[in-house]
Amino acid sequence: MFTQHQLLVLVTLRQMLAKSYRDFADWLELMTAVHRRLRIRRMPHFTTLHKFSLRLEAHTLDGLLVTLASTVADGRAEVIIDSTGFQSGSASYYYIRTMSLRNGSQGTEQRAVRHHVKATIVIDARTMMILGMLATLGPGPDAPYLRPVLEKAVEHGASIGTVIGDKGYDSESNRRYVVRELGAETHIPLRKVQRTAADHQGFYRRRQLRVFDPGLYRRRSLVETVNSMLKRTMSSATLSRCESAQYAELALRAVAHNAQRAAELLS
């Protein structure tokens, strides 16, 4: 039998190595140092790891992200929010695009290209650790996801003092939530929208003209670095097929990223 902690470490390690469950199980058989470290007497079957990852609750992984981040930083965080897309499936974009142009394809492969898994992440600017992640089906607008992903971080103990984001997160309701409910400050540029738009006018959007700090906003590129780290080290595609498994896969990648950053900063 295996403990929950052993299985969690193994599925997180699998994400770090960007391997399929079968390949990871084969790799693990040769890694005697990992066996000793985790006190594993026999190797888990790859289906055991797969089923465990499907049972993981989002609430548990969200809490683990903040717990890992709190090991290297405390106090009110200066957070940066952004979203990025992960390819759904292991087939390359070039292959899918080429197949869609063949006669008789009926365009089914082309439709598959248009959708991806969209990950909205919030990072601590000081440590570049992820405080919250929300996975949805993309593409789509960014603004509706600012509040849900910040609520995830705050629910598990993150203290937020500043929120930095691009124009995609500009809305009166988002600014009101950050200022009034979180007691924080936003540094999000204003979009050029029609005056008849619902979120064009408002106290908090006008207030942003006074408090916006271009110097702080330039730190937004740090979240792009984290996005790049996730894709370069753990692949830009999700290997899972169903949506729930894809979302769990991205959450485990965030946990793997935080664990690696914590080890680097504490060493």
C-alpha atoms as a PDB file:
ATOM      1  CA  MET A   1       0.000   0.000   0.000  1.00  0.00           C
ATOM      2  CA  PHE A   2       1.035   3.588  -0.579  1.00  0.00           C
ATOM      3  CA  THR A   3       0.376   6.668   1.533  1.00  0.00           C
ATOM      4  CA  GLN A   4      -1.290   9.773   0.142  1.00  0.00           C
ATOM      5  CA  HIS A   5       1.926  11.726   0.620  1.00  0.00           C
ATOM      6  CA  GLN A   6       3.951   9.200  -1.375  1.00  0.00           C
ATOM      7  CA  LEU A   7       1.492   9.249  -4.259  1.00  0.00           C
ATOM      8  CA  LEU A   8       1.313  13.059  -4.231  1.00  0.00           C
ATOM      9  CA  VAL A   9       5.097  13.330  -4.476  1.00  0.00           C
ATOM     10  CA  LEU A  10       5.153  10.827  -7.334  1.00  0.00           C
ATOM     11  CA  VAL A  11       2.458  12.500  -9.445  1.00  0.00           C
ATOM     12  CA  THR A  12       4.146  15.869  -8.854  1.00  0.00           C
ATOM     13  CA  LEU A  13       7.505  14.429  -9.871  1.00  0.00           C
ATOM     14  CA  ARG A  14       5.872  13.048 -13.007  1.00  0.00           C
ATOM     15  CA  GLN A  15       4.878  16.592 -13.995  1.00  0.00           C
ATOM     16  CA  MET A  16       8.411  17.858 -13.388  1.00  0.00           C
ATOM     17  CA  LEU A  17       9.758  15.216 -15.765  1.00  0.00           C
ATOM     18  CA  ALA A  18       6.971  15.752 -18.341  1.00  0.00           C
ATOM     19  CA  LYS A  19       6.429  12.007 -18.762  1.00  0.00           C
ATOM     20  CA  SER A  20       3.333   9.925 -19.421  1.00  0.00           C
ATOM     21  CA  TYR A  21       2.145   7.628 -16.614  1.00  0.00           C
ATOM     22  CA  ARG A  22       3.542   4.548 -18.373  1.00  0.00           C
ATOM     23  CA  ASP A  23       6.930   6.130 -19.075  1.00  0.00           C
ATOM     24  CA  PHE A  24       7.150   7.505 -15.548  1.00  0.00           C
ATOM     25  CA  ALA A  25       6.426   4.076 -14.034  1.00  0.00           C
ATOM     26  CA  ASP A  26       9.212   2.559 -16.155  1.00  0.00           C
ATOM     27  CA  TRP A  27      11.599   5.360 -15.156  1.00  0.00           C
ATOM     28  CA  LEU A  28      10.696   4.994 -11.478  1.00  0.00           C
ATOM     29  CA  GLU A  29      11.675   1.323 -11.408  1.00  0.00           C
ATOM     30  CA  LEU A  30      15.287   2.307 -12.063  1.00  0.00           C
ATOM     31  CA  MET A  31      15.450   5.141  -9.524  1.00  0.00           C
ATOM     32  CA  THR A  32      16.478   3.360  -6.323  1.00  0.00           C
ATOM     33  CA  ALA A  33      17.343   6.682  -4.673  1.00  0.00           C
ATOM     34  CA  VAL A  34      13.694   7.753  -5.004  1.00  0.00           C
ATOM     35  CA  HIS A  35      12.584   4.425  -3.506  1.00  0.00           C
ATOM     36  CA  ARG A  36      14.749   4.948  -0.443  1.00  0.00           C
ATOM     37  CA  ARG A  37      13.767   8.581  -0.022  1.00  0.00           C
ATOM     38  CA  LEU A  38      10.037   7.814  -0.123  1.00  0.00           C
ATOM     39  CA  ARG A  39      10.420   4.425   1.628  1.00  0.00           C
ATOM     40  CA  ILE A  40       8.662   2.599  -1.179  1.00  0.00           C
ATOM     41  CA  ARG A  41       9.039  -1.184  -1.112  1.00  0.00           C
ATOM     42  CA  ARG A  42       7.403  -1.869  -4.465  1.00  0.00           C
ATOM     43  CA  MET A  43       6.577   0.236  -7.480  1.00  0.00           C
ATOM     44  CA  PRO A  44       3.012   1.512  -7.987  1.00  0.00           C
ATOM     45  CA  HIS A  45       1.285   0.522 -11.202  1.00  0.00           C
ATOM     46  CA  PHE A  46       0.856   3.452 -13.576  1.00  0.00           C
ATOM     47  CA  THR A  47      -2.945   3.190 -13.228  1.00  0.00           C
ATOM     48  CA  THR A  48      -2.593   3.732  -9.468  1.00  0.00           C
ATOM     49  CA  LEU A  49      -0.929   7.088 -10.095  1.00  0.00           C
ATOM     50  CA  HIS A  50      -3.504   8.028 -12.721  1.00  0.00           C
ATOM     51  CA  LYS A  51      -6.474   7.227 -10.485  1.00  0.00           C
ATOM     52  CA  PHE A  52      -4.906   9.104  -7.586  1.00  0.00           C
ATOM     53  CA  SER A  53      -4.433  12.255  -9.672  1.00  0.00           C
ATOM     54  CA  LEU A  54      -8.101  12.110 -10.708  1.00  0.00           C
ATOM     55  CA  ARG A  55      -9.165  11.894  -7.049  1.00  0.00           C
ATOM     56  CA  LEU A  56      -7.218  14.993  -6.052  1.00  0.00           C
ATOM     57  CA  GLU A  57      -9.540  17.851  -5.141  1.00  0.00           C
ATOM     58  CA  ALA A  58      -8.860  21.328  -6.484  1.00  0.00           C
ATOM     59  CA  HIS A  59      -9.287  22.740  -2.962  1.00  0.00           C
ATOM     60  CA  THR A  60      -6.408  20.579  -1.703  1.00  0.00           C
ATOM     61  CA  LEU A  61      -4.035  21.623  -4.485  1.00  0.00           C
ATOM     62  CA  ASP A  62      -4.986  25.300  -4.081  1.00  0.00           C
ATOM     63  CA  GLY A  63      -4.058  25.120  -0.405  1.00  0.00           C
ATOM     64  CA  LEU A  64      -0.791  23.383  -1.193  1.00  0.00           C
ATOM     65  CA  LEU A  65       0.225  26.200  -3.563  1.00  0.00           C
ATOM     66  CA  VAL A  66      -0.133  28.856  -0.852  1.00  0.00           C
ATOM     67  CA  THR A  67       1.503  26.625   1.775  1.00  0.00           C
ATOM     68  CA  LEU A  68       4.589  26.169  -0.393  1.00  0.00           C
ATOM     69  CA  ALA A  69       4.707  29.895  -1.188  1.00  0.00           C
ATOM     70  CA  SER A  70       4.496  30.810   2.514  1.00  0.00           C
ATOM     71  CA  THR A  71       7.691  28.869   3.260  1.00  0.00           C
ATOM     72  CA  VAL A  72       9.811  31.551   1.577  1.00  0.00           C
ATOM     73  CA  ALA A  73       7.815  34.784   1.996  1.00  0.00           C
ATOM     74  CA  ASP A  74       5.343  36.398   4.360  1.00  0.00           C
ATOM     75  CA  GLY A  75       3.474  39.679   4.666  1.00  0.00           C
ATOM     76  CA  ARG A  76       1.310  41.309   2.018  1.00  0.00           C
ATOM     77  CA  ALA A  77       2.206  40.136  -1.452  1.00  0.00           C
ATOM     78  CA  GLU A  78       2.573  42.142  -4.615  1.00  0.00           C
ATOM     79  CA  VAL A  79       0.815  39.805  -7.045  1.00  0.00           C
ATOM     80  CA  ILE A  80       0.720  39.676 -10.840  1.00  0.00           C
ATOM     81  CA  ILE A  81      -2.061  38.003 -12.804  1.00  0.00           C
ATOM     82  CA  ASP A  82      -1.999  36.657 -16.343  1.00  0.00           C
ATOM     83  CA  SER A  83      -3.321  33.776 -18.433  1.00  0.00           C
ATOM     84  CA  THR A  84      -1.727  31.437 -20.944  1.00  0.00           C
ATOM     85  CA  GLY A  85      -2.912  28.613 -23.157  1.00  0.00           C
ATOM     86  CA  PHE A  86      -1.861  24.966 -23.109  1.00  0.00           C
ATOM     87  CA  GLN A  87      -2.384  22.764 -26.125  1.00  0.00           C
ATOM     88  CA  SER A  88      -5.022  20.091 -25.585  1.00  0.00           C
ATOM     89  CA  GLY A  89      -3.403  16.790 -26.583  1.00  0.00           C
ATOM     90  CA  SER A  90       0.092  15.714 -27.528  1.00  0.00           C
ATOM     91  CA  ALA A  91      -0.255  16.069 -31.317  1.00  0.00           C
ATOM     92  CA  SER A  92       1.682  19.057 -32.620  1.00  0.00           C
ATOM     93  CA  TYR A  93      -0.130  22.133 -33.918  1.00  0.00           C
ATOM     94  CA  TYR A  94       1.609  21.695 -37.283  1.00  0.00           C
ATOM     95  CA  TYR A  95       0.313  18.118 -37.642  1.00  0.00           C
ATOM     96  CA  ILE A  96      -3.273  19.065 -36.773  1.00  0.00           C
ATOM     97  CA  ARG A  97      -3.158  22.059 -39.090  1.00  0.00           C
ATOM     98  CA  THR A  98      -1.785  19.972 -41.965  1.00  0.00           C
ATOM     99  CA  MET A  99      -4.400  17.243 -41.527  1.00  0.00           C
ATOM    100  CA  SER A 100      -7.188  19.823 -41.519  1.00  0.00           C
ATOM    101  CA  LEU A 101      -6.153  21.036 -44.982  1.00  0.00           C
ATOM    102  CA  ARG A 102      -6.390  17.605 -46.568  1.00  0.00           C
ATOM    103  CA  ASN A 103      -9.319  16.796 -48.802  1.00  0.00           C
ATOM    104  CA  GLY A 104     -12.120  14.974 -47.031  1.00  0.00           C
ATOM    105  CA  SER A 105     -11.099  16.035 -43.535  1.00  0.00           C
ATOM    106  CA  GLN A 106     -14.428  17.871 -43.099  1.00  0.00           C
ATOM    107  CA  GLY A 107     -12.600  20.425 -40.964  1.00  0.00           C
ATOM    108  CA  THR A 108     -12.828  18.321 -37.786  1.00  0.00           C
ATOM    109  CA  GLU A 109      -9.119  18.632 -37.056  1.00  0.00           C
ATOM    110  CA  GLN A 110      -9.226  22.381 -37.684  1.00  0.00           C
ATOM    111  CA  ARG A 111     -11.910  22.808 -35.046  1.00  0.00           C
ATOM    112  CA  ALA A 112      -9.693  21.022 -32.549  1.00  0.00           C
ATOM    113  CA  VAL A 113      -7.012  23.697 -32.963  1.00  0.00           C
ATOM    114  CA  ARG A 114      -9.298  26.501 -31.882  1.00  0.00           C
ATOM    115  CA  HIS A 115      -9.710  25.278 -28.308  1.00  0.00           C
ATOM    116  CA  HIS A 116      -7.075  24.981 -25.645  1.00  0.00           C
ATOM    117  CA  VAL A 117      -6.830  24.788 -21.876  1.00  0.00           C
ATOM    118  CA  LYS A 118      -6.525  28.290 -20.468  1.00  0.00           C
ATOM    119  CA  ALA A 119      -4.637  28.682 -17.191  1.00  0.00           C
ATOM    120  CA  THR A 120      -5.058  31.919 -15.226  1.00  0.00           C
ATOM    121  CA  ILE A 121      -2.300  32.249 -12.640  1.00  0.00           C
ATOM    122  CA  VAL A 122      -1.464  34.676  -9.851  1.00  0.00           C
ATOM    123  CA  ILE A 123       2.166  34.890  -8.748  1.00  0.00           C
ATOM    124  CA  ASP A 124       4.068  36.600  -5.944  1.00  0.00           C
ATOM    125  CA  ALA A 125       6.357  39.131  -7.635  1.00  0.00           C
ATOM    126  CA  ARG A 126       9.063  38.717  -4.970  1.00  0.00           C
ATOM    127  CA  THR A 127       9.446  34.942  -5.206  1.00  0.00           C
ATOM    128  CA  MET A 128       7.848  34.122  -8.584  1.00  0.00           C
ATOM    129  CA  MET A 129       5.793  31.429  -6.852  1.00  0.00           C
ATOM    130  CA  ILE A 130       2.219  30.681  -7.860  1.00  0.00           C
ATOM    131  CA  LEU A 131      -0.426  31.683  -5.297  1.00  0.00           C
ATOM    132  CA  GLY A 132      -3.460  30.615  -7.316  1.00  0.00           C
ATOM    133  CA  MET A 133      -4.398  28.908 -10.561  1.00  0.00           C
ATOM    134  CA  LEU A 134      -7.698  28.569 -12.402  1.00  0.00           C
ATOM    135  CA  ALA A 135      -7.979  26.281 -15.444  1.00  0.00           C
ATOM    136  CA  THR A 136     -10.800  26.812 -17.946  1.00  0.00           C
ATOM    137  CA  LEU A 137     -11.542  26.063 -21.585  1.00  0.00           C
ATOM    138  CA  GLY A 138     -10.156  28.746 -23.904  1.00  0.00           C
ATOM    139  CA  PRO A 139     -10.041  31.038 -25.699  1.00  0.00           C
ATOM    140  CA  GLY A 140     -12.104  33.646 -23.890  1.00  0.00           C
ATOM    141  CA  PRO A 141     -11.959  37.013 -22.093  1.00  0.00           C
ATOM    142  CA  ASP A 142      -9.657  37.415 -19.087  1.00  0.00           C
ATOM    143  CA  ALA A 143     -11.626  39.832 -16.893  1.00  0.00           C
ATOM    144  CA  PRO A 144     -14.196  37.331 -15.488  1.00  0.00           C
ATOM    145  CA  TYR A 145     -11.444  35.188 -13.951  1.00  0.00           C
ATOM    146  CA  LEU A 146      -9.641  37.813 -11.858  1.00  0.00           C
ATOM    147  CA  ARG A 147     -11.945  37.537  -8.868  1.00  0.00           C
ATOM    148  CA  PRO A 148     -12.221  33.701  -8.771  1.00  0.00           C
ATOM    149  CA  VAL A 149      -8.470  33.126  -8.901  1.00  0.00           C
ATOM    150  CA  LEU A 150      -7.729  35.802  -6.276  1.00  0.00           C
ATOM    151  CA  GLU A 151     -10.433  34.335  -4.034  1.00  0.00           C
ATOM    152  CA  LYS A 152      -8.688  30.971  -4.247  1.00  0.00           C
ATOM    153  CA  ALA A 153      -5.431  32.491  -3.020  1.00  0.00           C
ATOM    154  CA  VAL A 154      -7.036  34.556  -0.240  1.00  0.00           C
ATOM    155  CA  GLU A 155      -9.159  31.625   0.954  1.00  0.00           C
ATOM    156  CA  HIS A 156      -6.006  29.652   1.722  1.00  0.00           C
ATOM    157  CA  GLY A 157      -4.227  32.430   3.585  1.00  0.00           C
ATOM    158  CA  ALA A 158      -2.536  34.632   0.994  1.00  0.00           C
ATOM    159  CA  SER A 159      -2.393  38.327   1.930  1.00  0.00           C
ATOM    160  CA  ILE A 160      -2.537  40.621  -1.106  1.00  0.00           C
ATOM    161  CA  GLY A 161      -1.449  44.258  -1.128  1.00  0.00           C
ATOM    162  CA  THR A 162      -1.114  45.024  -4.845  1.00  0.00           C
ATOM    163  CA  VAL A 163      -2.612  43.480  -7.988  1.00  0.00           C
ATOM    164  CA  ILE A 164      -0.865  44.017 -11.337  1.00  0.00           C
ATOM    165  CA  GLY A 165      -2.376  42.915 -14.640  1.00  0.00           C
ATOM    166  CA  ASP A 166      -2.748  43.866 -18.278  1.00  0.00           C
ATOM    167  CA  LYS A 167      -5.717  45.602 -19.917  1.00  0.00           C
ATOM    168  CA  GLY A 168      -7.570  42.319 -20.266  1.00  0.00           C
ATOM    169  CA  TYR A 169      -8.472  42.506 -16.561  1.00  0.00           C
ATOM    170  CA  ASP A 170      -9.764  46.086 -16.697  1.00  0.00           C
ATOM    171  CA  SER A 171     -13.311  46.418 -15.372  1.00  0.00           C
ATOM    172  CA  GLU A 172     -15.047  48.475 -12.721  1.00  0.00           C
ATOM    173  CA  SER A 173     -16.186  45.358 -10.852  1.00  0.00           C
ATOM    174  CA  ASN A 174     -12.665  43.918 -10.700  1.00  0.00           C
ATOM    175  CA  ARG A 175     -11.214  47.155  -9.348  1.00  0.00           C
ATOM    176  CA  ARG A 176     -14.017  47.484  -6.804  1.00  0.00           C
ATOM    177  CA  TYR A 177     -13.386  43.942  -5.549  1.00  0.00           C
ATOM    178  CA  VAL A 178      -9.634  44.472  -5.146  1.00  0.00           C
ATOM    179  CA  VAL A 179      -9.906  47.862  -3.419  1.00  0.00           C
ATOM    180  CA  ARG A 180     -12.980  47.376  -1.229  1.00  0.00           C
ATOM    181  CA  GLU A 181     -12.907  43.672  -0.384  1.00  0.00           C
ATOM    182  CA  LEU A 182      -9.182  42.917  -0.416  1.00  0.00           C
ATOM    183  CA  GLY A 183      -8.018  46.328   0.767  1.00  0.00           C
ATOM    184  CA  ALA A 184      -5.403  46.256  -1.991  1.00  0.00           C
ATOM    185  CA  GLU A 185      -4.489  48.481  -4.926  1.00  0.00           C
ATOM    186  CA  THR A 186      -4.740  47.732  -8.640  1.00  0.00           C
ATOM    187  CA  HIS A 187      -2.261  48.702 -11.322  1.00  0.00           C
ATOM    188  CA  ILE A 188      -4.172  47.716 -14.449  1.00  0.00           C
ATOM    189  CA  PRO A 189      -4.150  50.032 -17.498  1.00  0.00           C
ATOM    190  CA  LEU A 190      -7.496  51.338 -18.731  1.00  0.00           C
ATOM    191  CA  ARG A 191      -8.892  49.973 -21.962  1.00  0.00           C
ATOM    192  CA  LYS A 192     -10.356  52.216 -24.627  1.00  0.00           C
ATOM    193  CA  VAL A 193     -14.028  51.235 -24.671  1.00  0.00           C
ATOM    194  CA  GLN A 194     -17.222  52.877 -25.862  1.00  0.00           C
ATOM    195  CA  ARG A 195     -18.859  55.251 -23.445  1.00  0.00           C
ATOM    196  CA  THR A 196     -22.034  53.186 -23.546  1.00  0.00           C
ATOM    197  CA  ALA A 197     -20.219  50.099 -22.211  1.00  0.00           C
ATOM    198  CA  ALA A 198     -21.377  49.000 -18.753  1.00  0.00           C
ATOM    199  CA  ASP A 199     -17.905  49.117 -17.200  1.00  0.00           C
ATOM    200  CA  HIS A 200     -16.650  52.275 -18.949  1.00  0.00           C
ATOM    201  CA  GLN A 201     -17.633  54.768 -16.263  1.00  0.00           C
ATOM    202  CA  GLY A 202     -17.057  54.282 -12.565  1.00  0.00           C
ATOM    203  CA  PHE A 203     -15.315  55.658  -9.507  1.00  0.00           C
ATOM    204  CA  TYR A 204     -12.605  52.981  -9.398  1.00  0.00           C
ATOM    205  CA  ARG A 205     -11.699  53.242 -13.077  1.00  0.00           C
ATOM    206  CA  ARG A 206     -11.331  57.025 -12.759  1.00  0.00           C
ATOM    207  CA  ARG A 207      -9.358  56.544  -9.551  1.00  0.00           C
ATOM    208  CA  GLN A 208      -6.871  54.351 -11.420  1.00  0.00           C
ATOM    209  CA  LEU A 209      -5.771  57.370 -13.463  1.00  0.00           C
ATOM    210  CA  ARG A 210      -4.426  58.919 -10.241  1.00  0.00           C
ATOM    211  CA  VAL A 211      -2.811  55.911  -8.564  1.00  0.00           C
ATOM    212  CA  PHE A 212      -1.447  53.942 -11.536  1.00  0.00           C
ATOM    213  CA  ASP A 213       2.316  53.368 -11.155  1.00  0.00           C
ATOM    214  CA  PRO A 214       4.139  52.670 -14.464  1.00  0.00           C
ATOM    215  CA  GLY A 215       7.180  51.433 -12.552  1.00  0.00           C
ATOM    216  CA  LEU A 216       5.186  48.743 -10.781  1.00  0.00           C
ATOM    217  CA  TYR A 217       3.380  47.803 -13.973  1.00  0.00           C
ATOM    218  CA  ARG A 218       6.691  47.032 -15.663  1.00  0.00           C
ATOM    219  CA  ARG A 219       7.052  44.116 -13.252  1.00  0.00           C
ATOM    220  CA  ARG A 220       4.195  42.401 -15.081  1.00  0.00           C
ATOM    221  CA  SER A 221       6.765  40.676 -17.298  1.00  0.00           C
ATOM    222  CA  LEU A 222       7.644  38.438 -14.328  1.00  0.00           C
ATOM    223  CA  VAL A 223       4.435  36.461 -14.793  1.00  0.00           C
ATOM    224  CA  GLU A 224       5.364  35.909 -18.437  1.00  0.00           C
ATOM    225  CA  THR A 225       8.605  34.394 -17.163  1.00  0.00           C
ATOM    226  CA  VAL A 226       6.674  31.974 -14.954  1.00  0.00           C
ATOM    227  CA  ASN A 227       4.442  31.010 -17.882  1.00  0.00           C
ATOM    228  CA  SER A 228       7.558  30.324 -19.926  1.00  0.00           C
ATOM    229  CA  MET A 229       9.081  28.250 -17.121  1.00  0.00           C
ATOM    230  CA  LEU A 230       5.982  26.062 -16.920  1.00  0.00           C
ATOM    231  CA  LYS A 231       5.955  25.418 -20.650  1.00  0.00           C
ATOM    232  CA  ARG A 232       9.688  24.947 -21.168  1.00  0.00           C
ATOM    233  CA  THR A 233      10.271  22.613 -18.235  1.00  0.00           C
ATOM    234  CA  MET A 234       6.940  20.745 -18.146  1.00  0.00           C
ATOM    235  CA  SER A 235       5.620  20.980 -21.731  1.00  0.00           C
ATOM    236  CA  SER A 236       3.184  23.371 -23.397  1.00  0.00           C
ATOM    237  CA  ALA A 237       0.632  20.580 -23.953  1.00  0.00           C
ATOM    238  CA  THR A 238      -1.590  18.557 -21.642  1.00  0.00           C
ATOM    239  CA  LEU A 239      -1.358  14.788 -22.056  1.00  0.00           C
ATOM    240  CA  SER A 240      -4.777  14.094 -20.523  1.00  0.00           C
ATOM    241  CA  ARG A 241      -7.885  13.869 -22.688  1.00  0.00           C
ATOM    242  CA  CYS A 242     -10.841  14.719 -20.439  1.00  0.00           C
ATOM    243  CA  GLU A 243     -11.216  18.269 -19.118  1.00  0.00           C
ATOM    244  CA  SER A 244     -11.141  17.379 -15.412  1.00  0.00           C
ATOM    245  CA  ALA A 245      -7.881  15.452 -15.861  1.00  0.00           C
ATOM    246  CA  GLN A 246      -6.377  18.337 -17.846  1.00  0.00           C
ATOM    247  CA  TYR A 247      -7.236  20.793 -15.074  1.00  0.00           C
ATOM    248  CA  ALA A 248      -5.698  18.487 -12.446  1.00  0.00           C
ATOM    249  CA  GLU A 249      -2.585  18.144 -14.602  1.00  0.00           C
ATOM    250  CA  LEU A 250      -2.070  21.917 -14.741  1.00  0.00           C
ATOM    251  CA  ALA A 251      -2.666  22.270 -10.997  1.00  0.00           C
ATOM    252  CA  LEU A 252       0.008  19.642 -10.324  1.00  0.00           C
ATOM    253  CA  ARG A 253       2.391  21.529 -12.610  1.00  0.00           C
ATOM    254  CA  ALA A 254       1.847  24.621 -10.475  1.00  0.00           C
ATOM    255  CA  VAL A 255       2.604  22.576  -7.340  1.00  0.00           C
ATOM    256  CA  ALA A 256       5.743  21.193  -9.003  1.00  0.00           C
ATOM    257  CA  HIS A 257       6.840  24.728  -9.923  1.00  0.00           C
ATOM    258  CA  ASN A 258       6.355  25.987  -6.360  1.00  0.00           C
ATOM    259  CA  ALA A 259       8.191  23.006  -4.878  1.00  0.00           C
ATOM    260  CA  GLN A 260      11.132  23.603  -7.184  1.00  0.00           C
ATOM    261  CA  ARG A 261      11.209  27.353  -6.477  1.00  0.00           C
ATOM    262  CA  ALA A 262      11.024  26.751  -2.716  1.00  0.00           C
ATOM    263  CA  ALA A 263      13.970  24.351  -2.915  1.00  0.00           C
ATOM    264  CA  GLU A 264      15.994  26.905  -4.893  1.00  0.00           C
ATOM    265  CA  LEU A 265      15.217  29.830  -2.581  1.00  0.00           C
ATOM    266  CA  LEU A 266      15.804  27.875   0.639  1.00  0.00           C
ATOM    267  CA  SER A 267      19.046  26.236  -0.474  1.00  0.00           C
END
